[in-house]
Amino acid sequence: MEPDLLQMPTEGGENMERRKYCVYNQTRECFLSLGVTAADTPFARLRGMIGKLALKSGDGVWIVPSSGVHTLGVLVPLDLVYLNDRHQVVHLAEHFPPFRIAPLRPQTDSVLELAAYTIYSTQTQVGDQLLICRAEEMGEWLNRTSAPATGTG
């Protein structure tokens, strides 16, 4: 059973607002982030990374829903990972500069705004499958997938 990740945060879903999510690249078997915050309300989506002076590796914002973002008012470059509704990577923008409008991708359901060089360091590519869920769900998923197969035969 997959973690409860395929349900996207809903408009006004206050229970999702400040919660942190882990982002795991199942294709490359590595983490992109351990501290992504869901921006799932109109205000949170607009705010995004505005005013950030620095971004720690592992931090980020998951803009839901979104088919594109802007970096107006953002003071640092970002890596942008565009995802479809199944959390599959459909487009990447590495080291996207501040004060720009990123391309719109109609097939995109959400966008991850991550620290610059995250895409490079994880070797994330278009077509990769990501898993996005809360830390406790990630722990359960990792335990399940790494548990040795038992059986007789």
C-alpha atoms as a PDB file:
ATOM      1  CA  MET A   1       0.000   0.000   0.000  1.00  0.00           C
ATOM      2  CA  GLU A   2       1.410   3.383  -1.010  1.00  0.00           C
ATOM      3  CA  PRO A   3       1.518   6.266   1.481  1.00  0.00           C
ATOM      4  CA  ASP A   4      -1.378   8.692   1.326  1.00  0.00           C
ATOM      5  CA  LEU A   5       0.461  10.878  -1.161  1.00  0.00           C
ATOM      6  CA  LEU A   6      -1.686  10.761  -4.260  1.00  0.00           C
ATOM      7  CA  GLN A   7      -4.255  12.987  -2.628  1.00  0.00           C
ATOM      8  CA  MET A   8      -3.112  16.478  -3.427  1.00  0.00           C
ATOM      9  CA  PRO A   9      -3.561  19.147  -0.780  1.00  0.00           C
ATOM     10  CA  THR A  10      -6.926  20.844  -1.219  1.00  0.00           C
ATOM     11  CA  GLU A  11      -7.840  24.518  -1.296  1.00  0.00           C
ATOM     12  CA  GLY A  12      -7.977  25.717   2.258  1.00  0.00           C
ATOM     13  CA  GLY A  13      -6.594  22.419   3.571  1.00  0.00           C
ATOM     14  CA  GLU A  14      -5.248  23.945   6.758  1.00  0.00           C
ATOM     15  CA  ASN A  15      -4.002  20.599   8.016  1.00  0.00           C
ATOM     16  CA  MET A  16      -1.523  20.560   5.114  1.00  0.00           C
ATOM     17  CA  GLU A  17      -0.391  24.160   5.359  1.00  0.00           C
ATOM     18  CA  ARG A  18       2.743  24.042   7.541  1.00  0.00           C
ATOM     19  CA  ARG A  19       3.403  20.342   7.372  1.00  0.00           C
ATOM     20  CA  LYS A  20       6.783  19.218   6.022  1.00  0.00           C
ATOM     21  CA  TYR A  21       7.097  16.595   3.315  1.00  0.00           C
ATOM     22  CA  CYS A  22       9.898  14.376   2.114  1.00  0.00           C
ATOM     23  CA  VAL A  23      10.600  14.098  -1.607  1.00  0.00           C
ATOM     24  CA  TYR A  24      12.176  10.825  -2.698  1.00  0.00           C
ATOM     25  CA  ASN A  25      13.208  10.008  -6.265  1.00  0.00           C
ATOM     26  CA  GLN A  26      12.203   6.362  -6.646  1.00  0.00           C
ATOM     27  CA  THR A  27      13.923   6.107 -10.038  1.00  0.00           C
ATOM     28  CA  ARG A  28      17.343   7.319  -8.790  1.00  0.00           C
ATOM     29  CA  GLU A  29      16.847   6.062  -5.198  1.00  0.00           C
ATOM     30  CA  CYS A  30      17.752   9.336  -3.512  1.00  0.00           C
ATOM     31  CA  PHE A  31      16.122  12.164  -1.587  1.00  0.00           C
ATOM     32  CA  LEU A  32      15.589  15.553  -3.194  1.00  0.00           C
ATOM     33  CA  SER A  33      14.345  17.091   0.023  1.00  0.00           C
ATOM     34  CA  LEU A  34      13.465  16.288   3.608  1.00  0.00           C
ATOM     35  CA  GLY A  35      11.725  19.590   4.300  1.00  0.00           C
ATOM     36  CA  VAL A  36       9.307  20.687   1.593  1.00  0.00           C
ATOM     37  CA  THR A  37       6.343  22.781   2.719  1.00  0.00           C
ATOM     38  CA  ALA A  38       3.093  22.493   0.750  1.00  0.00           C
ATOM     39  CA  ALA A  39       1.810  25.784  -0.672  1.00  0.00           C
ATOM     40  CA  ASP A  40      -1.777  24.757  -1.266  1.00  0.00           C
ATOM     41  CA  THR A  41      -3.739  27.967  -0.730  1.00  0.00           C
ATOM     42  CA  PRO A  42      -3.821  30.965  -3.100  1.00  0.00           C
ATOM     43  CA  PHE A  43      -1.814  33.101  -0.654  1.00  0.00           C
ATOM     44  CA  ALA A  44       0.755  30.377   0.057  1.00  0.00           C
ATOM     45  CA  ARG A  45       1.205  29.728  -3.688  1.00  0.00           C
ATOM     46  CA  LEU A  46       1.697  33.434  -4.350  1.00  0.00           C
ATOM     47  CA  ARG A  47       4.149  33.789  -1.471  1.00  0.00           C
ATOM     48  CA  GLY A  48       6.261  30.728  -2.337  1.00  0.00           C
ATOM     49  CA  MET A  49       9.905  31.656  -1.752  1.00  0.00           C
ATOM     50  CA  ILE A  50       9.465  35.441  -1.828  1.00  0.00           C
ATOM     51  CA  GLY A  51      11.896  37.215   0.491  1.00  0.00           C
ATOM     52  CA  LYS A  52      14.116  34.199   1.184  1.00  0.00           C
ATOM     53  CA  LEU A  53      17.720  35.350   1.592  1.00  0.00           C
ATOM     54  CA  ALA A  54      19.060  31.811   1.562  1.00  0.00           C
ATOM     55  CA  LEU A  55      17.751  28.308   1.093  1.00  0.00           C
ATOM     56  CA  LYS A  56      19.210  25.359   2.939  1.00  0.00           C
ATOM     57  CA  SER A  57      19.856  22.169   1.046  1.00  0.00           C
ATOM     58  CA  GLY A  58      16.817  19.980   1.608  1.00  0.00           C
ATOM     59  CA  ASP A  59      14.333  22.846   2.023  1.00  0.00           C
ATOM     60  CA  GLY A  60      11.729  23.800  -0.516  1.00  0.00           C
ATOM     61  CA  VAL A  61       8.139  24.582  -1.399  1.00  0.00           C
ATOM     62  CA  TRP A  62       5.664  22.320  -3.189  1.00  0.00           C
ATOM     63  CA  ILE A  63       3.312  24.561  -5.180  1.00  0.00           C
ATOM     64  CA  VAL A  64      -0.028  22.724  -5.543  1.00  0.00           C
ATOM     65  CA  PRO A  65      -1.746  23.094  -7.955  1.00  0.00           C
ATOM     66  CA  SER A  66       0.541  24.854 -10.432  1.00  0.00           C
ATOM     67  CA  SER A  67       1.624  24.656 -14.043  1.00  0.00           C
ATOM     68  CA  GLY A  68       4.332  27.303 -13.611  1.00  0.00           C
ATOM     69  CA  VAL A  69       5.859  29.657 -11.070  1.00  0.00           C
ATOM     70  CA  HIS A  70       7.622  33.000 -10.821  1.00  0.00           C
ATOM     71  CA  THR A  71      10.684  34.104  -8.919  1.00  0.00           C
ATOM     72  CA  LEU A  72       9.653  37.758  -8.608  1.00  0.00           C
ATOM     73  CA  GLY A  73      10.807  38.852  -5.170  1.00  0.00           C
ATOM     74  CA  VAL A  74      12.856  35.681  -4.704  1.00  0.00           C
ATOM     75  CA  LEU A  75      16.456  36.582  -3.906  1.00  0.00           C
ATOM     76  CA  VAL A  76      18.189  33.291  -4.703  1.00  0.00           C
ATOM     77  CA  PRO A  77      18.228  30.989  -7.736  1.00  0.00           C
ATOM     78  CA  LEU A  78      16.032  27.893  -7.490  1.00  0.00           C
ATOM     79  CA  ASP A  79      15.775  24.472  -9.068  1.00  0.00           C
ATOM     80  CA  LEU A  80      12.260  23.849 -10.394  1.00  0.00           C
ATOM     81  CA  VAL A  81      10.817  20.355 -10.780  1.00  0.00           C
ATOM     82  CA  TYR A  82       7.499  20.179 -12.644  1.00  0.00           C
ATOM     83  CA  LEU A  83       5.326  17.160 -11.806  1.00  0.00           C
ATOM     84  CA  ASN A  84       2.227  15.583 -13.309  1.00  0.00           C
ATOM     85  CA  ASP A  85      -0.665  14.275 -11.190  1.00  0.00           C
ATOM     86  CA  ARG A  86       1.228  11.006 -10.545  1.00  0.00           C
ATOM     87  CA  HIS A  87       4.335  12.891  -9.292  1.00  0.00           C
ATOM     88  CA  GLN A  88       6.313  12.006 -12.381  1.00  0.00           C
ATOM     89  CA  VAL A  89       8.867  14.619 -13.519  1.00  0.00           C
ATOM     90  CA  VAL A  90       7.694  16.309 -16.740  1.00  0.00           C
ATOM     91  CA  HIS A  91      10.071  19.302 -16.895  1.00  0.00           C
ATOM     92  CA  LEU A  92      13.145  20.642 -15.092  1.00  0.00           C
ATOM     93  CA  ALA A  93      14.627  24.134 -14.735  1.00  0.00           C
ATOM     94  CA  GLU A  94      18.046  24.170 -13.074  1.00  0.00           C
ATOM     95  CA  HIS A  95      19.429  27.207 -11.267  1.00  0.00           C
ATOM     96  CA  PHE A  96      16.429  29.329 -12.312  1.00  0.00           C
ATOM     97  CA  PRO A  97      17.338  32.993 -11.694  1.00  0.00           C
ATOM     98  CA  PRO A  98      15.529  35.449  -9.417  1.00  0.00           C
ATOM     99  CA  PHE A  99      12.993  37.945 -10.803  1.00  0.00           C
ATOM    100  CA  ARG A 100      11.841  35.773 -13.722  1.00  0.00           C
ATOM    101  CA  ILE A 101       8.651  34.020 -14.805  1.00  0.00           C
ATOM    102  CA  ALA A 102       9.194  30.304 -15.348  1.00  0.00           C
ATOM    103  CA  PRO A 103       7.686  28.577 -18.375  1.00  0.00           C
ATOM    104  CA  LEU A 104       4.141  27.270 -18.087  1.00  0.00           C
ATOM    105  CA  ARG A 105       3.700  23.548 -18.719  1.00  0.00           C
ATOM    106  CA  PRO A 106       0.026  22.598 -19.236  1.00  0.00           C
ATOM    107  CA  GLN A 107       0.614  18.903 -18.390  1.00  0.00           C
ATOM    108  CA  THR A 108       1.969  19.958 -14.982  1.00  0.00           C
ATOM    109  CA  ASP A 109      -0.058  19.496 -11.803  1.00  0.00           C
ATOM    110  CA  SER A 110       2.451  20.865  -9.262  1.00  0.00           C
ATOM    111  CA  VAL A 111       5.931  22.383  -9.065  1.00  0.00           C
ATOM    112  CA  LEU A 112       8.698  21.843  -6.527  1.00  0.00           C
ATOM    113  CA  GLU A 113      10.864  24.872  -5.764  1.00  0.00           C
ATOM    114  CA  LEU A 114      14.135  23.540  -4.356  1.00  0.00           C
ATOM    115  CA  ALA A 115      17.603  24.799  -3.501  1.00  0.00           C
ATOM    116  CA  ALA A 116      19.835  25.390  -6.519  1.00  0.00           C
ATOM    117  CA  TYR A 117      21.911  22.362  -7.584  1.00  0.00           C
ATOM    118  CA  THR A 118      19.400  19.860  -6.157  1.00  0.00           C
ATOM    119  CA  ILE A 119      18.605  18.555  -9.649  1.00  0.00           C
ATOM    120  CA  TYR A 120      22.302  18.204 -10.474  1.00  0.00           C
ATOM    121  CA  SER A 121      23.299  16.560  -7.199  1.00  0.00           C
ATOM    122  CA  THR A 122      20.473  14.004  -7.379  1.00  0.00           C
ATOM    123  CA  GLN A 123      20.726  13.485 -11.157  1.00  0.00           C
ATOM    124  CA  THR A 124      16.950  13.919 -11.420  1.00  0.00           C
ATOM    125  CA  GLN A 125      15.672  13.650 -14.982  1.00  0.00           C
ATOM    126  CA  VAL A 126      12.415  14.007 -16.900  1.00  0.00           C
ATOM    127  CA  GLY A 127      10.456  10.776 -16.495  1.00  0.00           C
ATOM    128  CA  ASP A 128      11.678  10.067 -12.948  1.00  0.00           C
ATOM    129  CA  GLN A 129       9.016   8.961 -10.457  1.00  0.00           C
ATOM    130  CA  LEU A 130       8.915  10.909  -7.178  1.00  0.00           C
ATOM    131  CA  LEU A 131       7.331   9.952  -3.883  1.00  0.00           C
ATOM    132  CA  ILE A 132       6.075  12.906  -1.807  1.00  0.00           C
ATOM    133  CA  CYS A 133       4.766  12.231   1.675  1.00  0.00           C
ATOM    134  CA  ARG A 134       5.137  13.120   5.352  1.00  0.00           C
ATOM    135  CA  ALA A 135       8.237  11.897   7.173  1.00  0.00           C
ATOM    136  CA  GLU A 136       6.404   9.204   9.154  1.00  0.00           C
ATOM    137  CA  GLU A 137       4.832   7.831   5.976  1.00  0.00           C
ATOM    138  CA  MET A 138       8.236   7.853   4.284  1.00  0.00           C
ATOM    139  CA  GLY A 139       9.695   5.826   7.139  1.00  0.00           C
ATOM    140  CA  GLU A 140       6.932   3.249   6.829  1.00  0.00           C
ATOM    141  CA  TRP A 141       7.361   3.082   3.033  1.00  0.00           C
ATOM    142  CA  LEU A 142      11.144   2.664   3.277  1.00  0.00           C
ATOM    143  CA  ASN A 143      10.782  -0.066   5.907  1.00  0.00           C
ATOM    144  CA  ARG A 144       8.293  -1.905   3.710  1.00  0.00           C
ATOM    145  CA  THR A 145      10.382  -1.678   0.550  1.00  0.00           C
ATOM    146  CA  SER A 146      13.673  -2.601   2.218  1.00  0.00           C
ATOM    147  CA  ALA A 147      12.296  -5.491   4.294  1.00  0.00           C
ATOM    148  CA  PRO A 148      13.790  -8.800   3.176  1.00  0.00           C
ATOM    149  CA  ALA A 149      11.411 -11.151   1.400  1.00  0.00           C
ATOM    150  CA  THR A 150      10.357 -14.016   3.606  1.00  0.00           C
ATOM    151  CA  GLY A 151       8.943 -17.283   2.524  1.00  0.00           C
ATOM    152  CA  THR A 152       9.709 -20.894   2.126  1.00  0.00           C
ATOM    153  CA  GLY A 153      10.794 -22.642  -0.928  1.00  0.00           C
END
